[in-house]
Amino acid sequence: MEKEEILRKIAEVLKREKKVVFAYLFGSFLSGRYANDIDLAVYVKGKVDANFEARLALKLEKEIGKEFDVFVINDKPTLFLSEVFRRGKLVFSRDENLRVKFETEKLPEVLEYNELIKQFDEKRFEKYGIG
């Protein structure tokens, strides 16, 4: 199955999941270094139980035939969101206003984190020649 077909099928599955408001693909599937699974970050409406991620991953696997790792990002730490925002691709959005609000609220933290990491790497390179 081609990458574009997989993206289309992911969006179809997520459209049926009323709790999912928007979702990003990230990780090796997008970079071309496709490993064993497809990483999907989802923002959900309301509370979900502890098994939501696993249930959604199984639905996606059944429909698409690929292994998935699903992560609810509503309360994920800045480190995780940095990876999703920098390298992720939006694959589904039910509510653009909420998505933009979430990104707008989280982006300053992510940018500050990225700047700190950059400074840390520069200092490490200066001191040890690595980075």
N, C-alpha and C. Protein backbone atom coordinates (compact mmCIF):
# COMPACT_ATOMS: atom_id res chain seq x y z
N MET A 1 0.85 -1.18 0.00
CA MET A 1 0.00 0.00 0.00
C MET A 1 0.90 1.25 0.00
N GLU A 2 0.61 2.18 -0.89
CA GLU A 2 1.38 3.42 -1.02
C GLU A 2 1.14 4.35 0.17
N LYS A 3 2.09 5.24 0.41
CA LYS A 3 2.01 6.17 1.54
C LYS A 3 0.74 7.02 1.48
N GLU A 4 0.41 7.56 0.31
CA GLU A 4 -0.79 8.41 0.19
C GLU A 4 -2.06 7.62 0.50
N GLU A 5 -2.10 6.38 0.09
CA GLU A 5 -3.25 5.51 0.38
C GLU A 5 -3.37 5.28 1.89
N ILE A 6 -2.24 5.08 2.55
CA ILE A 6 -2.23 4.89 4.00
C ILE A 6 -2.75 6.15 4.69
N LEU A 7 -2.29 7.32 4.25
CA LEU A 7 -2.74 8.58 4.84
C LEU A 7 -4.25 8.75 4.68
N ARG A 8 -4.76 8.42 3.52
CA ARG A 8 -6.20 8.52 3.26
C ARG A 8 -6.99 7.59 4.17
N LYS A 9 -6.51 6.36 4.32
CA LYS A 9 -7.20 5.39 5.17
C LYS A 9 -7.16 5.80 6.64
N ILE A 10 -6.04 6.36 7.08
CA ILE A 10 -5.96 6.84 8.46
C ILE A 10 -7.03 7.89 8.69
N ALA A 11 -7.14 8.84 7.78
CA ALA A 11 -8.15 9.90 7.91
C ALA A 11 -9.56 9.32 7.95
N GLU A 12 -9.82 8.29 7.15
CA GLU A 12 -11.15 7.64 7.14
C GLU A 12 -11.46 7.03 8.50
N VAL A 13 -10.50 6.32 9.06
CA VAL A 13 -10.71 5.68 10.37
C VAL A 13 -10.94 6.75 11.44
N LEU A 14 -10.13 7.79 11.43
CA LEU A 14 -10.23 8.84 12.45
C LEU A 14 -11.55 9.61 12.34
N LYS A 15 -12.06 9.75 11.14
CA LYS A 15 -13.33 10.44 10.95
C LYS A 15 -14.46 9.73 11.70
N ARG A 16 -14.37 8.42 11.81
CA ARG A 16 -15.39 7.64 12.52
C ARG A 16 -15.19 7.67 14.04
N GLU A 17 -14.03 8.09 14.48
CA GLU A 17 -13.72 8.16 15.91
C GLU A 17 -14.11 9.54 16.44
N LYS A 18 -15.29 9.67 16.97
CA LYS A 18 -15.84 10.98 17.36
C LYS A 18 -15.02 11.69 18.43
N LYS A 19 -14.28 10.95 19.23
CA LYS A 19 -13.45 11.57 20.28
C LYS A 19 -12.22 12.26 19.69
N VAL A 20 -11.75 11.80 18.53
CA VAL A 20 -10.53 12.36 17.93
C VAL A 20 -10.88 13.67 17.23
N VAL A 21 -10.19 14.75 17.65
CA VAL A 21 -10.44 16.07 17.07
C VAL A 21 -9.45 16.35 15.94
N PHE A 22 -8.17 16.05 16.16
CA PHE A 22 -7.17 16.18 15.10
C PHE A 22 -6.03 15.22 15.38
N ALA A 23 -5.22 14.97 14.34
CA ALA A 23 -4.16 13.98 14.48
C ALA A 23 -2.99 14.31 13.56
N TYR A 24 -1.79 13.94 14.04
CA TYR A 24 -0.56 14.12 13.28
C TYR A 24 0.16 12.78 13.16
N LEU A 25 0.69 12.52 12.00
CA LEU A 25 1.64 11.43 11.84
C LEU A 25 3.02 12.00 12.15
N PHE A 26 3.88 11.20 12.74
CA PHE A 26 5.26 11.62 12.98
C PHE A 26 6.12 10.38 13.03
N GLY A 27 7.41 10.57 13.10
CA GLY A 27 8.31 9.43 13.23
C GLY A 27 8.82 8.91 11.91
N SER A 28 9.31 7.68 11.94
CA SER A 28 10.05 7.11 10.82
C SER A 28 9.21 6.91 9.56
N PHE A 29 7.92 6.70 9.68
CA PHE A 29 7.08 6.52 8.50
C PHE A 29 7.15 7.74 7.58
N LEU A 30 7.15 8.92 8.16
CA LEU A 30 7.21 10.15 7.37
C LEU A 30 8.59 10.42 6.80
N SER A 31 9.61 10.07 7.53
CA SER A 31 10.98 10.41 7.12
C SER A 31 11.52 9.48 6.04
N GLY A 32 10.80 8.42 5.73
CA GLY A 32 11.28 7.48 4.74
C GLY A 32 12.11 6.36 5.33
N ARG A 33 12.41 6.44 6.61
CA ARG A 33 13.14 5.37 7.30
C ARG A 33 12.13 4.45 7.97
N TYR A 34 11.09 4.14 7.25
CA TYR A 34 9.96 3.37 7.80
C TYR A 34 10.46 2.14 8.53
N ALA A 35 10.14 2.09 9.79
CA ALA A 35 10.54 0.96 10.63
C ALA A 35 9.38 -0.03 10.72
N ASN A 36 9.03 -0.43 11.90
CA ASN A 36 8.00 -1.44 12.09
C ASN A 36 6.61 -0.88 12.31
N ASP A 37 6.52 0.38 12.69
CA ASP A 37 5.20 0.90 13.04
C ASP A 37 5.01 2.33 12.53
N ILE A 38 3.79 2.79 12.65
CA ILE A 38 3.43 4.15 12.26
C ILE A 38 3.01 4.87 13.54
N ASP A 39 3.65 6.02 13.80
CA ASP A 39 3.36 6.80 15.00
C ASP A 39 2.29 7.84 14.70
N LEU A 40 1.26 7.88 15.55
CA LEU A 40 0.15 8.80 15.37
C LEU A 40 -0.14 9.51 16.68
N ALA A 41 -0.13 10.85 16.63
CA ALA A 41 -0.46 11.68 17.80
C ALA A 41 -1.86 12.23 17.60
N VAL A 42 -2.74 12.01 18.58
CA VAL A 42 -4.13 12.46 18.45
C VAL A 42 -4.51 13.37 19.61
N TYR A 43 -5.30 14.38 19.30
CA TYR A 43 -5.90 15.24 20.31
C TYR A 43 -7.34 14.79 20.44
N VAL A 44 -7.79 14.57 21.68
CA VAL A 44 -9.14 14.04 21.88
C VAL A 44 -10.02 15.04 22.63
N LYS A 45 -11.31 14.91 22.39
CA LYS A 45 -12.31 15.73 23.08
C LYS A 45 -12.72 15.00 24.34
N GLY A 46 -12.65 15.70 25.48
CA GLY A 46 -13.06 15.10 26.74
C GLY A 46 -12.05 14.10 27.26
N LYS A 47 -12.51 13.31 28.21
CA LYS A 47 -11.65 12.30 28.84
C LYS A 47 -11.75 10.99 28.06
N VAL A 48 -10.65 10.26 28.06
CA VAL A 48 -10.65 8.91 27.49
C VAL A 48 -10.05 7.97 28.53
N ASP A 49 -10.41 6.71 28.44
CA ASP A 49 -9.87 5.75 29.41
C ASP A 49 -8.46 5.34 29.03
N ALA A 50 -7.84 4.60 29.92
CA ALA A 50 -6.44 4.21 29.75
C ALA A 50 -6.20 3.32 28.54
N ASN A 51 -7.23 2.69 28.03
CA ASN A 51 -7.08 1.78 26.89
C ASN A 51 -7.39 2.42 25.54
N PHE A 52 -7.71 3.70 25.53
CA PHE A 52 -8.10 4.36 24.28
C PHE A 52 -7.03 4.24 23.21
N GLU A 53 -5.78 4.53 23.57
CA GLU A 53 -4.69 4.49 22.60
C GLU A 53 -4.55 3.09 21.98
N ALA A 54 -4.60 2.07 22.83
CA ALA A 54 -4.46 0.70 22.33
C ALA A 54 -5.63 0.30 21.44
N ARG A 55 -6.84 0.68 21.84
CA ARG A 55 -8.02 0.34 21.02
C ARG A 55 -7.95 1.01 19.65
N LEU A 56 -7.57 2.28 19.63
CA LEU A 56 -7.47 2.99 18.36
C LEU A 56 -6.35 2.40 17.50
N ALA A 57 -5.24 2.06 18.11
CA ALA A 57 -4.14 1.43 17.36
C ALA A 57 -4.61 0.12 16.73
N LEU A 58 -5.36 -0.68 17.47
CA LEU A 58 -5.86 -1.94 16.92
C LEU A 58 -6.84 -1.72 15.77
N LYS A 59 -7.70 -0.72 15.88
CA LYS A 59 -8.62 -0.40 14.78
C LYS A 59 -7.85 -0.03 13.52
N LEU A 60 -6.85 0.82 13.69
CA LEU A 60 -6.04 1.25 12.55
C LEU A 60 -5.30 0.06 11.94
N GLU A 61 -4.73 -0.78 12.78
CA GLU A 61 -4.00 -1.95 12.30
C GLU A 61 -4.92 -2.88 11.51
N LYS A 62 -6.12 -3.09 12.01
CA LYS A 62 -7.09 -3.97 11.35
C LYS A 62 -7.48 -3.42 9.97
N GLU A 63 -7.72 -2.12 9.89
CA GLU A 63 -8.17 -1.50 8.64
C GLU A 63 -7.05 -1.30 7.62
N ILE A 64 -5.84 -1.04 8.12
CA ILE A 64 -4.75 -0.64 7.22
C ILE A 64 -3.71 -1.74 7.04
N GLY A 65 -3.61 -2.63 8.01
CA GLY A 65 -2.66 -3.72 7.88
C GLY A 65 -1.24 -3.36 8.26
N LYS A 66 -1.08 -2.27 8.98
CA LYS A 66 0.23 -1.84 9.49
C LYS A 66 0.13 -1.68 11.00
N GLU A 67 1.26 -1.81 11.67
CA GLU A 67 1.29 -1.64 13.13
C GLU A 67 1.32 -0.15 13.47
N PHE A 68 0.56 0.24 14.50
CA PHE A 68 0.47 1.65 14.91
C PHE A 68 0.82 1.81 16.38
N ASP A 69 1.46 2.95 16.68
CA ASP A 69 1.60 3.44 18.05
C ASP A 69 0.80 4.74 18.10
N VAL A 70 -0.19 4.79 18.98
CA VAL A 70 -1.06 5.96 19.10
C VAL A 70 -0.78 6.65 20.43
N PHE A 71 -0.70 7.98 20.39
CA PHE A 71 -0.42 8.78 21.58
C PHE A 71 -1.44 9.91 21.68
N VAL A 72 -2.11 10.01 22.82
CA VAL A 72 -3.00 11.15 23.07
C VAL A 72 -2.11 12.31 23.52
N ILE A 73 -2.20 13.44 22.81
CA ILE A 73 -1.26 14.55 23.06
C ILE A 73 -1.81 15.67 23.92
N ASN A 74 -3.04 15.57 24.37
CA ASN A 74 -3.65 16.66 25.13
C ASN A 74 -2.75 17.18 26.24
N ASP A 75 -2.13 16.28 26.99
CA ASP A 75 -1.30 16.66 28.14
C ASP A 75 0.13 16.16 28.03
N LYS A 76 0.60 15.92 26.82
CA LYS A 76 1.96 15.41 26.66
C LYS A 76 2.97 16.52 26.97
N PRO A 77 4.16 16.13 27.45
CA PRO A 77 5.19 17.12 27.77
C PRO A 77 5.74 17.81 26.51
N THR A 78 6.40 18.93 26.74
CA THR A 78 6.94 19.75 25.67
C THR A 78 7.90 18.97 24.78
N LEU A 79 8.72 18.12 25.36
CA LEU A 79 9.67 17.31 24.57
C LEU A 79 8.93 16.52 23.50
N PHE A 80 7.85 15.87 23.87
CA PHE A 80 7.07 15.07 22.93
C PHE A 80 6.43 15.96 21.87
N LEU A 81 5.79 17.05 22.30
CA LEU A 81 5.12 17.96 21.36
C LEU A 81 6.12 18.58 20.39
N SER A 82 7.33 18.83 20.84
CA SER A 82 8.36 19.39 19.97
C SER A 82 8.59 18.47 18.77
N GLU A 83 8.70 17.20 19.02
CA GLU A 83 8.90 16.22 17.94
C GLU A 83 7.70 16.21 16.99
N VAL A 84 6.50 16.22 17.54
CA VAL A 84 5.29 16.19 16.71
C VAL A 84 5.18 17.45 15.87
N PHE A 85 5.40 18.61 16.47
CA PHE A 85 5.26 19.88 15.73
C PHE A 85 6.36 20.06 14.69
N ARG A 86 7.59 19.66 15.03
CA ARG A 86 8.71 19.88 14.10
C ARG A 86 8.69 18.91 12.93
N ARG A 87 8.36 17.67 13.19
CA ARG A 87 8.49 16.66 12.15
C ARG A 87 7.18 16.00 11.74
N GLY A 88 6.09 16.41 12.40
CA GLY A 88 4.82 15.76 12.13
C GLY A 88 4.08 16.33 10.94
N LYS A 89 3.07 15.58 10.52
CA LYS A 89 2.21 16.00 9.41
C LYS A 89 0.76 15.84 9.86
N LEU A 90 0.00 16.91 9.74
CA LEU A 90 -1.42 16.85 10.07
C LEU A 90 -2.11 15.92 9.07
N VAL A 91 -2.83 14.92 9.59
CA VAL A 91 -3.52 13.98 8.71
C VAL A 91 -5.02 14.02 8.87
N PHE A 92 -5.49 14.69 9.92
CA PHE A 92 -6.93 14.76 10.15
C PHE A 92 -7.23 15.92 11.08
N SER A 93 -8.30 16.66 10.77
CA SER A 93 -8.76 17.72 11.67
C SER A 93 -10.26 17.88 11.53
N ARG A 94 -10.95 17.72 12.63
CA ARG A 94 -12.39 17.88 12.70
C ARG A 94 -12.75 19.32 13.12
N ASP A 95 -11.79 20.00 13.78
CA ASP A 95 -12.04 21.34 14.32
C ASP A 95 -10.76 22.17 14.20
N GLU A 96 -10.66 22.92 13.12
CA GLU A 96 -9.46 23.72 12.87
C GLU A 96 -9.25 24.80 13.93
N ASN A 97 -10.32 25.38 14.42
CA ASN A 97 -10.18 26.41 15.45
C ASN A 97 -9.53 25.85 16.71
N LEU A 98 -9.96 24.68 17.13
CA LEU A 98 -9.38 24.05 18.32
C LEU A 98 -7.93 23.65 18.06
N ARG A 99 -7.65 23.13 16.87
CA ARG A 99 -6.27 22.74 16.54
C ARG A 99 -5.34 23.95 16.58
N VAL A 100 -5.75 25.04 15.96
CA VAL A 100 -4.92 26.25 15.95
C VAL A 100 -4.76 26.79 17.37
N LYS A 101 -5.80 26.75 18.16
CA LYS A 101 -5.72 27.21 19.56
C LYS A 101 -4.72 26.37 20.34
N PHE A 102 -4.78 25.04 20.19
CA PHE A 102 -3.85 24.14 20.88
C PHE A 102 -2.41 24.45 20.46
N GLU A 103 -2.18 24.54 19.16
CA GLU A 103 -0.82 24.81 18.68
C GLU A 103 -0.34 26.18 19.16
N THR A 104 -1.21 27.17 19.13
CA THR A 104 -0.84 28.52 19.55
C THR A 104 -0.48 28.56 21.03
N GLU A 105 -1.21 27.80 21.84
CA GLU A 105 -0.91 27.75 23.27
C GLU A 105 0.38 26.99 23.56
N LYS A 106 0.64 25.92 22.83
CA LYS A 106 1.80 25.07 23.10
C LYS A 106 3.07 25.54 22.40
N LEU A 107 2.93 26.24 21.29
CA LEU A 107 4.10 26.60 20.49
C LEU A 107 5.15 27.42 21.24
N PRO A 108 4.78 28.42 22.05
CA PRO A 108 5.82 29.15 22.79
C PRO A 108 6.69 28.23 23.67
N GLU A 109 6.07 27.28 24.35
CA GLU A 109 6.82 26.32 25.17
C GLU A 109 7.76 25.49 24.30
N VAL A 110 7.25 25.05 23.16
CA VAL A 110 8.03 24.21 22.25
C VAL A 110 9.22 25.00 21.70
N LEU A 111 8.99 26.24 21.29
CA LEU A 111 10.07 27.06 20.75
C LEU A 111 11.13 27.35 21.81
N GLU A 112 10.69 27.63 23.04
CA GLU A 112 11.64 27.86 24.13
C GLU A 112 12.46 26.60 24.39
N TYR A 113 11.81 25.46 24.41
CA TYR A 113 12.50 24.19 24.61
C TYR A 113 13.53 23.96 23.51
N ASN A 114 13.12 24.17 22.25
CA ASN A 114 14.03 23.96 21.12
C ASN A 114 15.24 24.88 21.21
N GLU A 115 15.03 26.12 21.64
CA GLU A 115 16.13 27.07 21.80
C GLU A 115 17.08 26.60 22.91
N LEU A 116 16.55 26.11 24.01
CA LEU A 116 17.40 25.60 25.09
C LEU A 116 18.23 24.41 24.63
N ILE A 117 17.62 23.52 23.87
CA ILE A 117 18.35 22.36 23.35
C ILE A 117 19.46 22.82 22.40
N LYS A 118 19.16 23.79 21.56
CA LYS A 118 20.16 24.32 20.64
C LYS A 118 21.35 24.90 21.42
N GLN A 119 21.06 25.70 22.46
CA GLN A 119 22.13 26.29 23.28
C GLN A 119 22.93 25.21 23.98
N PHE A 120 22.24 24.20 24.50
CA PHE A 120 22.92 23.09 25.16
C PHE A 120 23.86 22.39 24.19
N ASP A 121 23.39 22.11 22.99
CA ASP A 121 24.21 21.44 21.98
C ASP A 121 25.43 22.29 21.60
N GLU A 122 25.24 23.60 21.47
CA GLU A 122 26.36 24.48 21.13
C GLU A 122 27.41 24.47 22.23
N LYS A 123 26.98 24.55 23.49
CA LYS A 123 27.92 24.52 24.62
C LYS A 123 28.66 23.19 24.68
N ARG A 124 27.91 22.12 24.46
CA ARG A 124 28.53 20.79 24.48
C ARG A 124 29.56 20.67 23.37
N PHE A 125 29.26 21.21 22.20
CA PHE A 125 30.20 21.16 21.09
C PHE A 125 31.45 21.97 21.42
N GLU A 126 31.25 23.18 21.99
CA GLU A 126 32.39 24.02 22.36
C GLU A 126 33.29 23.32 23.38
N LYS A 127 32.66 22.68 24.36
CA LYS A 127 33.43 22.08 25.45
C LYS A 127 34.04 20.73 25.07
N TYR A 128 33.26 19.89 24.36
CA TYR A 128 33.71 18.52 24.11
C TYR A 128 33.92 18.19 22.64
N GLY A 129 33.51 19.09 21.77
CA GLY A 129 33.64 18.80 20.35
C GLY A 129 32.59 17.83 19.84
N ILE A 130 31.50 17.68 20.61
CA ILE A 130 30.42 16.79 20.17
C ILE A 130 29.11 17.58 20.15
N GLY A 131 28.16 17.09 19.40
CA GLY A 131 26.87 17.77 19.39
C GLY A 131 26.03 17.44 18.28
